[in-house]
Amino acid sequence: MDRQDAYDAVIVGGGVAGLSAALVLGRARRRVAVIDDGSPRNAPAHAAFGFTTRDGVRPGDLVDLARQDLDPYGVAFIDGRAEAAQDDGTDWIVRTADGAAVRGRHVVVATGLRDKLPGIGGAREAWGHGLLQCPYCHGWEVRDQALGVLGSSSESVQQALLVRQWSEDVTFFPHVLGALSDDDERRLRCRGIRIVEGTVRRLVLQGGDDGGPRAVRSVALDGGATVPCSAVFCEPGSDAFLPLLEAFGCTMRDDGCVTTDGIGRTSVERVWAVGNAADPAAQLLPAAGDAYRVAVAINAVMVRDECEACLAPEESVHG
């Protein structure tokens, strides 16, 4: 693979963050390639909300629109899952699972996160439909219904307090959290949130016979009791770990994301990270804005390096 085939930037991940970075770099007249395996984090959701001018659009349609925006700028798309990378001293060579190799001066990791759902029955089937994470993304659609919040992490009590904003009928299931602190219990009861002790065994689902999404009907506990709920919110675990990140050797944070500095640089030279890969809380709009800023920084670094390479021979002559 010749050096002349190298791209200025190889972006791994074709979601909103990755495509936003590609747009900015493409408009800066950089040669850009996007490697994507077609499995975005938000694929289970029937719609994406809170993205101005595109509120309620299907996630796949949002990606299609973003790809269309790239048509004038010559961005290349490579289907596949990036799994390995090697630094040859000048470029990164990124290899996909099917053996394709892509060479680039800089690499942008925009692969998002893998959600680790709670180990209860029905979680996978209901994820993105009746089992939800973000009330800002999905709270409006289930407003004024019977809602549950699963105690799955240290953030779950705060999530329940927030979910209460969308419904007066909210039940908190401590689940794996065990006994609540007096302060947490007072806060929940102050907001009018019921607390139902016990371990949740499964989500009782309905529908889906036609191949469509499964809706939540109730929450079943180990003791046999069931609590009616139209939707359940939880904080899933997540991490950005991929064979590719191991190949790069990027420093990872305790929350499973890539460590970056203030402008998106990772601990590895010429490797950057944007969106959920670097920030688990980034929603669509912040992820797109973050990617814009990172792309500007990458271009600035390339301009600097090009100037230094141009001046080096002259300096050696006059040195």
Protein backbone atom coordinates (compact mmCIF):
# COMPACT_ATOMS: atom_id res chain seq x y z
CA MET A 1 0.00 0.00 0.00
CA ASP A 2 1.70 3.21 -1.22
CA ARG A 3 2.04 6.36 0.84
CA GLN A 4 0.16 8.18 -1.96
CA ASP A 5 -2.93 6.15 -1.02
CA ALA A 6 -2.93 7.59 2.50
CA TYR A 7 -5.85 9.63 3.74
CA ASP A 8 -5.40 12.68 5.90
CA ALA A 9 -7.86 11.23 8.40
CA VAL A 10 -9.41 7.82 8.89
CA ILE A 11 -12.60 7.98 10.95
CA VAL A 12 -13.70 4.75 12.58
CA GLY A 13 -17.44 4.89 13.21
CA GLY A 14 -20.13 6.31 10.95
CA GLY A 15 -22.59 7.72 13.46
CA VAL A 16 -23.42 11.38 14.03
CA ALA A 17 -20.06 12.14 15.68
CA GLY A 18 -17.95 10.42 13.06
CA LEU A 19 -19.86 11.91 10.13
CA SER A 20 -19.73 15.40 11.66
CA ALA A 21 -15.94 15.15 11.89
CA ALA A 22 -15.85 13.89 8.29
CA LEU A 23 -17.96 16.84 7.15
CA VAL A 24 -15.67 19.45 8.71
CA LEU A 25 -12.49 17.80 7.46
CA GLY A 26 -13.97 17.22 4.01
CA ARG A 27 -14.93 20.88 3.76
CA ALA A 28 -11.34 21.71 4.75
CA ARG A 29 -10.26 19.85 1.59
CA ARG A 30 -8.77 16.94 3.49
CA ARG A 31 -8.86 13.38 2.17
CA VAL A 32 -11.13 11.48 4.53
CA ALA A 33 -12.22 7.86 4.84
CA VAL A 34 -14.97 6.57 7.15
CA ILE A 35 -14.90 2.93 8.26
CA ASP A 36 -18.24 1.73 9.61
CA ASP A 37 -19.81 -1.63 10.36
CA GLY A 38 -23.42 -0.40 10.44
CA SER A 39 -24.13 -1.12 14.12
CA PRO A 40 -24.77 2.21 15.88
CA ARG A 41 -25.50 2.32 19.61
CA ASN A 42 -28.95 3.84 19.07
CA ALA A 43 -30.06 1.24 16.50
CA PRO A 44 -32.70 -0.31 18.86
CA ALA A 45 -34.50 3.04 19.27
CA HIS A 46 -37.37 3.72 16.88
CA ALA A 47 -36.55 7.44 16.75
CA ALA A 48 -33.97 10.01 17.83
CA PHE A 49 -35.23 13.01 19.78
CA GLY A 50 -33.80 16.36 20.81
CA PHE A 51 -31.80 16.93 17.62
CA THR A 52 -33.01 20.31 16.41
CA THR A 53 -34.60 20.24 12.90
CA ARG A 54 -34.63 16.42 13.07
CA ASP A 55 -36.64 15.72 16.23
CA GLY A 56 -38.24 12.27 15.97
CA VAL A 57 -36.29 11.06 12.93
CA ARG A 58 -35.32 7.39 12.72
CA PRO A 59 -31.65 6.92 13.69
CA GLY A 60 -30.93 5.24 10.37
CA ASP A 61 -32.53 8.11 8.44
CA LEU A 62 -30.43 10.62 10.38
CA VAL A 63 -27.27 8.79 9.33
CA ASP A 64 -28.48 8.65 5.72
CA LEU A 65 -29.01 12.41 5.72
CA ALA A 66 -25.56 12.98 7.20
CA ARG A 67 -24.00 10.79 4.53
CA GLN A 68 -25.79 12.75 1.82
CA ASP A 69 -24.27 15.94 3.20
CA LEU A 70 -20.83 14.46 2.52
CA ASP A 71 -21.44 13.82 -1.18
CA PRO A 72 -19.75 17.04 -2.45
CA TYR A 73 -16.57 16.52 -0.42
CA GLY A 74 -15.25 13.23 -1.73
CA VAL A 75 -15.38 11.36 1.58
CA ALA A 76 -14.75 7.64 1.07
CA PHE A 77 -16.83 5.01 2.88
CA ILE A 78 -15.48 1.58 3.74
CA ASP A 79 -17.87 -1.05 5.05
CA GLY A 80 -16.39 -3.19 7.79
CA ARG A 81 -15.32 -3.47 11.41
CA ALA A 82 -11.91 -1.99 12.20
CA GLU A 83 -10.03 -4.43 14.42
CA ALA A 84 -6.30 -3.72 14.21
CA ALA A 85 -3.94 -0.80 13.75
CA GLN A 86 -0.23 -0.31 13.21
CA ASP A 87 1.89 2.84 13.26
CA ASP A 88 4.54 2.75 10.56
CA GLY A 89 6.15 5.97 11.77
CA THR A 90 4.36 8.17 9.24
CA ASP A 91 0.80 6.86 9.07
CA TRP A 92 -1.59 4.62 10.92
CA ILE A 93 -2.59 1.51 8.99
CA VAL A 94 -6.06 0.40 10.11
CA ARG A 95 -7.18 -3.10 9.19
CA THR A 96 -10.75 -4.38 9.08
CA ALA A 97 -12.07 -7.82 10.00
CA ASP A 98 -12.25 -8.82 6.32
CA GLY A 99 -8.61 -7.89 5.67
CA ALA A 100 -8.95 -4.43 4.11
CA ALA A 101 -6.18 -1.97 5.04
CA VAL A 102 -6.65 1.81 5.20
CA ARG A 103 -3.75 4.21 5.67
CA GLY A 104 -4.17 7.62 7.33
CA ARG A 105 -2.11 10.36 8.98
CA HIS A 106 -4.63 10.69 11.82
CA VAL A 107 -7.32 8.37 13.16
CA VAL A 108 -10.56 9.48 14.81
CA VAL A 109 -12.25 6.90 17.04
CA ALA A 110 -15.99 7.52 16.85
CA THR A 111 -17.17 4.01 17.65
CA GLY A 112 -19.51 4.94 20.51
CA LEU A 113 -20.13 2.56 23.40
CA ARG A 114 -21.40 -0.94 24.01
CA ASP A 115 -24.26 -0.97 26.50
CA LYS A 116 -24.19 -3.62 29.22
CA LEU A 117 -27.82 -4.22 30.08
CA PRO A 118 -28.99 -5.37 33.51
CA GLY A 119 -29.19 -9.14 33.88
CA ILE A 120 -32.96 -9.44 34.06
CA GLY A 121 -35.38 -11.21 31.75
CA GLY A 122 -36.74 -9.16 28.88
CA ALA A 123 -34.06 -6.44 29.06
CA ARG A 124 -32.56 -7.12 25.64
CA GLU A 125 -35.96 -7.48 23.93
CA ALA A 126 -37.28 -4.21 25.39
CA TRP A 127 -34.10 -2.13 25.11
CA GLY A 128 -34.72 1.14 23.27
CA HIS A 129 -38.51 0.73 23.40
CA GLY A 130 -39.88 -0.13 26.84
CA LEU A 131 -36.53 -0.22 28.65
CA LEU A 132 -34.98 3.23 28.33
CA GLN A 133 -32.04 5.22 29.61
CA CYS A 134 -32.39 8.92 28.91
CA PRO A 135 -35.59 10.74 29.96
CA TYR A 136 -34.58 13.73 27.87
CA CYS A 137 -34.54 11.45 24.82
CA HIS A 138 -37.65 9.38 25.58
CA GLY A 139 -39.50 10.88 28.54
CA TRP A 140 -41.98 12.87 26.44
CA GLU A 141 -43.15 9.74 24.63
CA VAL A 142 -44.06 7.99 27.92
CA ARG A 143 -45.25 11.06 29.83
CA ASP A 144 -48.09 10.64 32.35
CA GLN A 145 -47.79 6.84 32.26
CA ALA A 146 -46.80 4.41 35.01
CA LEU A 147 -43.00 4.47 34.95
CA GLY A 148 -40.40 2.44 36.77
CA VAL A 149 -36.74 3.12 37.50
CA LEU A 150 -34.41 0.20 38.08
CA GLY A 151 -31.71 0.56 40.72
CA SER A 152 -28.82 -0.57 38.55
CA SER A 153 -26.07 1.94 39.40
CA SER A 154 -25.06 4.71 41.80
CA GLU A 155 -26.81 7.17 39.48
CA SER A 156 -30.20 5.44 39.65
CA VAL A 157 -31.68 7.49 42.49
CA GLN A 158 -30.88 10.71 40.65
CA GLN A 159 -32.38 9.21 37.49
CA ALA A 160 -35.62 8.44 39.36
CA LEU A 161 -35.82 12.00 40.69
CA LEU A 162 -35.46 13.23 37.13
CA VAL A 163 -37.96 10.79 35.60
CA ARG A 164 -40.58 12.10 38.05
CA GLN A 165 -40.63 15.25 35.93
CA TRP A 166 -42.47 13.35 33.18
CA SER A 167 -45.00 11.47 35.28
CA GLU A 168 -46.64 11.56 38.70
CA ASP A 169 -46.71 7.75 38.73
CA VAL A 170 -43.10 6.64 39.28
CA THR A 171 -41.86 3.55 41.13
CA PHE A 172 -38.26 3.07 42.16
CA PHE A 173 -36.92 -0.50 42.43
CA PRO A 174 -33.69 -0.50 44.50
CA HIS A 175 -32.93 -3.94 42.99
CA VAL A 176 -29.17 -4.57 43.34
CA LEU A 177 -28.58 -1.36 45.32
CA GLY A 178 -29.98 -2.90 48.50
CA ALA A 179 -30.96 -0.63 51.38
CA LEU A 180 -31.15 3.04 50.47
CA SER A 181 -29.58 5.74 52.60
CA ASP A 182 -31.97 7.79 54.71
CA ASP A 183 -31.18 10.82 52.56
CA ASP A 184 -31.96 9.02 49.28
CA GLU A 185 -35.17 7.61 50.69
CA ARG A 186 -36.31 11.05 51.86
CA ARG A 187 -35.56 12.60 48.48
CA LEU A 188 -37.51 9.95 46.62
CA ARG A 189 -40.52 10.19 48.91
CA CYS A 190 -40.38 13.99 48.77
CA ARG A 191 -40.86 13.72 45.00
CA GLY A 192 -43.79 11.35 45.46
CA ILE A 193 -41.89 8.33 44.15
CA ARG A 194 -42.89 4.91 45.46
CA ILE A 195 -40.15 2.55 46.62
CA VAL A 196 -40.68 -1.17 46.04
CA GLU A 197 -38.08 -3.36 47.72
CA GLY A 198 -36.86 -6.67 46.34
CA THR A 199 -34.88 -7.96 43.40
CA VAL A 200 -36.37 -7.52 39.93
CA ARG A 201 -36.51 -10.84 38.10
CA ARG A 202 -37.83 -9.78 34.70
CA LEU A 203 -39.77 -7.32 32.63
CA VAL A 204 -43.15 -8.66 31.60
CA LEU A 205 -43.51 -7.80 27.92
CA GLN A 206 -46.34 -7.66 25.43
CA GLY A 207 -46.64 -7.31 21.68
CA GLY A 208 -43.91 -8.09 19.20
CA ASP A 209 -45.82 -10.93 17.55
CA ASP A 210 -45.58 -9.15 14.21
CA GLY A 211 -41.83 -8.70 14.56
CA GLY A 212 -42.19 -5.19 15.99
CA PRO A 213 -40.83 -3.90 19.30
CA ARG A 214 -41.83 -5.45 22.61
CA ALA A 215 -43.65 -3.14 25.05
CA VAL A 216 -43.31 -3.37 28.83
CA ARG A 217 -46.45 -4.31 30.74
CA SER A 218 -45.13 -4.77 34.28
CA VAL A 219 -42.09 -5.50 36.45
CA ALA A 220 -41.90 -8.93 38.12
CA LEU A 221 -39.99 -9.39 41.37
CA ASP A 222 -38.37 -12.51 42.79
CA GLY A 223 -41.08 -12.89 45.40
CA GLY A 224 -43.74 -13.21 42.72
CA ALA A 225 -45.20 -9.69 42.99
CA THR A 226 -45.69 -7.62 39.84
CA VAL A 227 -45.89 -3.85 39.51
CA PRO A 228 -47.63 -2.34 36.43
CA CYS A 229 -45.27 -0.16 34.39
CA SER A 230 -45.54 1.10 30.83
CA ALA A 231 -41.81 1.82 30.62
CA VAL A 232 -38.76 1.30 32.81
CA PHE A 233 -35.66 3.49 32.94
CA CYS A 234 -32.22 2.23 33.92
CA GLU A 235 -28.58 3.23 33.81
CA PRO A 236 -26.83 0.45 31.89
CA GLY A 237 -23.17 -0.21 32.19
CA SER A 238 -21.11 0.60 29.11
CA ASP A 239 -17.64 0.63 27.70
CA ALA A 240 -15.87 1.64 24.52
CA PHE A 241 -13.49 -1.30 24.55
CA LEU A 242 -12.73 -2.66 21.11
CA PRO A 243 -9.84 -4.71 19.70
CA LEU A 244 -8.93 -1.54 17.81
CA LEU A 245 -8.44 0.49 21.00
CA GLU A 246 -6.29 -2.29 22.42
CA ALA A 247 -4.21 -2.16 19.23
CA PHE A 248 -3.74 1.60 19.60
CA GLY A 249 -2.91 1.27 23.29
CA CYS A 250 -5.08 4.23 24.28
CA THR A 251 -5.38 4.98 27.99
CA MET A 252 -8.90 4.16 29.19
CA ARG A 253 -10.94 5.72 31.99
CA ASP A 254 -12.60 3.86 34.84
CA ASP A 255 -16.00 4.35 33.17
CA GLY A 256 -14.86 2.41 30.11
CA CYS A 257 -14.31 5.38 27.80
CA VAL A 258 -11.16 6.64 26.09
CA THR A 259 -9.13 9.23 28.00
CA THR A 260 -8.81 12.46 26.01
CA ASP A 261 -7.48 15.95 26.64
CA GLY A 262 -9.48 19.15 26.22
CA ILE A 263 -9.53 18.93 22.42
CA GLY A 264 -10.05 15.22 21.88
CA ARG A 265 -6.49 13.89 21.71
CA THR A 266 -5.96 10.46 23.22
CA SER A 267 -2.78 9.31 24.94
CA VAL A 268 -1.53 8.02 21.58
CA GLU A 269 0.00 10.31 18.97
CA ARG A 270 -2.35 11.12 16.04
CA VAL A 271 -5.26 9.20 17.54
CA TRP A 272 -8.34 11.15 18.56
CA ALA A 273 -11.69 10.20 20.10
CA VAL A 274 -15.12 11.82 19.85
CA GLY A 275 -18.72 11.23 20.92
CA ASN A 276 -19.66 8.42 23.30
CA ALA A 277 -16.26 6.77 22.88
CA ALA A 278 -14.88 9.66 24.94
CA ASP A 279 -17.97 10.80 26.86
CA PRO A 280 -20.70 8.35 27.92
CA ALA A 281 -23.17 11.19 28.53
CA ALA A 282 -22.84 12.84 25.11
CA GLN A 283 -26.19 13.10 23.32
CA LEU A 284 -26.49 13.54 19.57
CA LEU A 285 -26.09 17.32 19.43
CA PRO A 286 -23.17 17.54 21.89
CA ALA A 287 -21.49 14.64 20.10
CA ALA A 288 -21.81 16.45 16.77
CA GLY A 289 -20.47 19.69 18.28
CA ASP A 290 -17.60 17.83 19.93
CA ALA A 291 -16.70 16.23 16.62
CA TYR A 292 -16.69 19.63 14.89
CA ARG A 293 -14.23 20.96 17.45
CA VAL A 294 -12.01 17.88 17.20
CA ALA A 295 -11.94 18.09 13.40
CA VAL A 296 -10.85 21.74 13.57
CA ALA A 297 -8.05 20.75 15.98
CA ILE A 298 -6.91 17.91 13.70
CA ASN A 299 -6.73 20.22 10.71
CA ALA A 300 -4.74 22.76 12.73
CA VAL A 301 -2.23 20.05 13.69
CA MET A 302 -1.90 18.98 10.06
CA VAL A 303 -1.31 22.58 8.93
CA ARG A 304 1.39 22.94 11.60
CA ASP A 305 3.07 19.69 10.57
CA GLU A 306 2.96 20.63 6.89
CA CYS A 307 4.62 23.98 7.64
CA GLU A 308 7.34 22.31 9.72
CA ALA A 309 8.01 19.76 6.98
CA CYS A 310 8.26 22.54 4.40
CA LEU A 311 10.65 24.64 6.51
CA ALA A 312 12.90 21.78 7.65
CA PRO A 313 15.00 21.50 4.44
CA GLU A 314 15.49 25.29 4.32
CA GLU A 315 16.57 25.39 7.96
CA SER A 316 19.08 22.58 7.40
CA VAL A 317 20.63 24.49 4.46
CA HIS A 318 21.04 27.72 6.45
CA GLY A 319 21.87 25.94 9.73
